[in-house]
Amino acid sequence: MACAAAVAVGLFSDRVAQAVERGSGDALGADALISAHDPFDPQFIATLESRGLRVLPVVDFLSVVAVGDATQLASIKAVVEGYPLRGHLRIADEPYAVSRSADGVPARGTIWADPKLWTALKLGRSASVAVGSANLALAAAIADEPGRSSAFGDFAPEIL
């Protein structure tokens, strides 16, 4: 009986570990993240790609955004076509509305914003949001994003 119980627990633990490993890439948005404060050497990127790895640059920074006289600190994430590498990005026409799978990334001149930003700045669809010297049109609310944390430390709403 003890042997059967030990084997059952071992098999169960192995299956749980495999499921967590399979799902972690989707939760992260990639198989691995490599980050730095400065751009990577193009030779390093070429080496990764020569080994069959897909590499996707993402620039992430904090900035104050404005709508009229209202301002808010936001986490700006500049993404390129193909983002995310794993998992699915979901957007909605407005916060907490029915979401859909995103077809690509925000079009040039537009942004997708975290529902917290919609609330903080009292945004409506197609609102013009000033990010630095650029005025960008709000096109959607971010409903779900792989790799996005909901930790307390993520105090700044995100803009893609």
Protein backbone atom coordinates (compact mmCIF):
# COMPACT_ATOMS: atom_id res chain seq x y z
CA MET A 1 0.00 0.00 0.00
CA ALA A 2 2.84 2.39 0.90
CA CYS A 3 4.56 1.76 -2.44
CA ALA A 4 1.38 2.43 -4.39
CA ALA A 5 0.82 5.68 -2.48
CA ALA A 6 4.42 6.80 -3.09
CA VAL A 7 4.14 6.07 -6.82
CA ALA A 8 0.79 7.90 -7.05
CA VAL A 9 2.15 10.97 -5.27
CA GLY A 10 5.27 10.92 -7.48
CA LEU A 11 3.20 10.71 -10.69
CA PHE A 12 0.86 13.47 -9.51
CA SER A 13 3.80 15.75 -8.60
CA ASP A 14 5.42 15.13 -11.99
CA ARG A 15 2.20 16.01 -13.86
CA VAL A 16 1.74 19.19 -11.84
CA ALA A 17 5.35 20.22 -12.57
CA GLN A 18 4.86 19.58 -16.30
CA ALA A 19 1.64 21.62 -16.35
CA VAL A 20 3.28 24.53 -14.56
CA GLU A 21 6.24 24.42 -16.95
CA ARG A 22 3.95 24.41 -20.01
CA GLY A 23 1.82 27.27 -18.70
CA SER A 24 4.66 29.47 -17.48
CA GLY A 25 5.62 30.54 -21.02
CA ASP A 26 2.09 31.73 -21.69
CA ALA A 27 1.94 33.56 -18.37
CA LEU A 28 5.30 35.20 -19.07
CA GLY A 29 4.53 36.02 -22.70
CA ALA A 30 7.74 34.29 -23.83
CA ASP A 31 9.96 31.36 -22.95
CA ALA A 32 12.54 33.72 -21.44
CA LEU A 33 13.04 37.43 -20.83
CA ILE A 34 16.40 39.13 -21.08
CA SER A 35 16.39 42.73 -19.95
CA ALA A 36 18.93 45.55 -19.73
CA HIS A 37 19.01 49.30 -19.29
CA ASP A 38 20.89 49.78 -22.57
CA PRO A 39 20.17 48.29 -26.01
CA PHE A 40 21.73 44.90 -26.68
CA ASP A 41 24.71 44.54 -28.99
CA PRO A 42 23.36 43.62 -32.46
CA GLN A 43 25.87 40.72 -32.53
CA PHE A 44 24.26 39.27 -29.39
CA ILE A 45 20.82 39.43 -31.04
CA ALA A 46 22.22 37.86 -34.23
CA THR A 47 23.72 35.02 -32.17
CA LEU A 48 20.38 34.31 -30.51
CA GLU A 49 18.57 34.33 -33.85
CA SER A 50 21.21 32.09 -35.45
CA ARG A 51 20.38 29.50 -32.78
CA GLY A 52 16.75 29.50 -33.90
CA LEU A 53 15.40 31.76 -31.18
CA ARG A 54 12.74 34.37 -31.90
CA VAL A 55 13.77 37.74 -30.50
CA LEU A 56 11.31 40.57 -30.00
CA PRO A 57 12.41 43.99 -28.70
CA VAL A 58 10.21 45.71 -26.14
CA VAL A 59 10.98 49.11 -24.61
CA ASP A 60 9.40 49.78 -21.22
CA PHE A 61 9.66 53.06 -19.28
CA LEU A 62 7.74 55.27 -16.87
CA SER A 63 6.38 58.64 -17.98
CA VAL A 64 3.73 61.14 -17.03
CA VAL A 65 0.84 61.19 -19.48
CA ALA A 66 -1.75 63.93 -19.75
CA VAL A 67 -5.29 64.52 -20.90
CA GLY A 68 -6.01 68.24 -20.70
CA ASP A 69 -4.87 69.37 -17.24
CA ALA A 70 -5.11 65.87 -15.71
CA THR A 71 -1.87 63.90 -15.42
CA GLN A 72 -0.96 60.36 -14.39
CA LEU A 73 2.24 58.37 -14.07
CA ALA A 74 2.07 55.47 -16.52
CA SER A 75 4.20 52.53 -17.57
CA ILE A 76 4.73 52.87 -21.32
CA LYS A 77 5.50 49.67 -23.23
CA ALA A 78 6.53 50.13 -26.86
CA VAL A 79 5.91 46.87 -28.70
CA VAL A 80 6.37 45.62 -32.26
CA GLU A 81 4.32 43.29 -34.43
CA GLY A 82 4.51 39.75 -33.07
CA TYR A 83 4.10 40.79 -29.43
CA PRO A 84 3.61 38.72 -27.30
CA LEU A 85 5.69 35.73 -28.36
CA ARG A 86 3.53 33.38 -26.25
CA GLY A 87 0.04 33.65 -24.88
CA HIS A 88 -2.70 35.95 -26.08
CA LEU A 89 -3.22 39.67 -25.65
CA ARG A 90 -6.88 40.56 -25.11
CA ILE A 91 -8.45 43.98 -25.53
CA ALA A 92 -11.91 45.51 -25.19
CA ASP A 93 -13.60 48.61 -26.56
CA GLU A 94 -13.75 50.00 -23.02
CA PRO A 95 -12.82 48.77 -19.55
CA TYR A 96 -14.61 45.64 -18.39
CA ALA A 97 -16.50 45.24 -21.66
CA VAL A 98 -16.51 41.97 -23.58
CA SER A 99 -12.91 41.29 -24.59
CA ARG A 100 -11.51 39.87 -27.80
CA SER A 101 -8.17 38.55 -28.93
CA ALA A 102 -6.00 41.41 -30.19
CA ASP A 103 -5.19 41.29 -33.87
CA GLY A 104 -1.61 42.57 -33.77
CA VAL A 105 -0.45 45.57 -31.77
CA PRO A 106 -1.78 49.15 -31.53
CA ALA A 107 -1.67 50.96 -34.87
CA ARG A 108 0.83 53.80 -35.22
CA GLY A 109 -0.53 56.88 -33.45
CA THR A 110 -2.83 54.88 -31.15
CA ILE A 111 -2.53 53.31 -27.72
CA TRP A 112 -4.22 50.61 -25.69
CA ALA A 113 -4.48 51.47 -21.99
CA ASP A 114 -4.97 49.74 -18.67
CA PRO A 115 -8.51 50.21 -17.26
CA LYS A 116 -6.92 51.96 -14.23
CA LEU A 117 -5.71 54.72 -16.56
CA TRP A 118 -9.20 55.09 -18.08
CA THR A 119 -10.53 55.65 -14.56
CA ALA A 120 -7.73 57.92 -13.32
CA LEU A 121 -7.95 60.26 -16.32
CA LYS A 122 -11.70 59.83 -16.97
CA LEU A 123 -10.98 58.63 -20.51
CA GLY A 124 -13.44 57.87 -23.25
CA ARG A 125 -12.94 56.03 -26.52
CA SER A 126 -10.67 57.92 -28.95
CA ALA A 127 -9.48 60.31 -26.24
CA SER A 128 -6.25 62.10 -27.09
CA VAL A 129 -3.53 61.19 -24.58
CA ALA A 130 -0.30 63.24 -24.49
CA VAL A 131 2.78 61.06 -24.05
CA GLY A 132 5.76 63.38 -24.18
CA SER A 133 5.33 65.54 -27.28
CA ALA A 134 3.08 62.97 -29.01
CA ASN A 135 -0.71 63.04 -28.86
CA LEU A 136 -1.98 59.49 -29.25
CA ALA A 137 -5.56 58.29 -29.74
CA LEU A 138 -6.91 55.81 -27.22
CA ALA A 139 -8.13 52.80 -29.22
CA ALA A 140 -8.83 50.06 -26.65
CA ALA A 141 -8.61 48.88 -23.06
CA ILE A 142 -6.14 46.15 -22.17
CA ALA A 143 -8.20 43.26 -20.80
CA ASP A 144 -5.45 40.64 -20.40
CA GLU A 145 -1.76 40.61 -21.25
CA PRO A 146 0.74 37.76 -20.83
CA GLY A 147 3.51 38.63 -18.42
CA ARG A 148 1.50 41.40 -16.84
CA SER A 149 1.71 41.42 -13.09
CA SER A 150 -0.99 42.55 -10.72
CA ALA A 151 1.48 43.00 -7.89
CA PHE A 152 1.32 45.97 -5.55
CA GLY A 153 4.61 47.28 -6.98
CA ASP A 154 2.98 47.79 -10.36
CA PHE A 155 1.40 51.07 -9.28
CA ALA A 156 1.57 52.76 -12.68
CA PRO A 157 -1.16 51.79 -15.17
CA GLU A 158 0.20 50.46 -18.43
CA ILE A 159 -0.03 51.82 -21.97
CA LEU A 160 0.86 49.76 -25.03
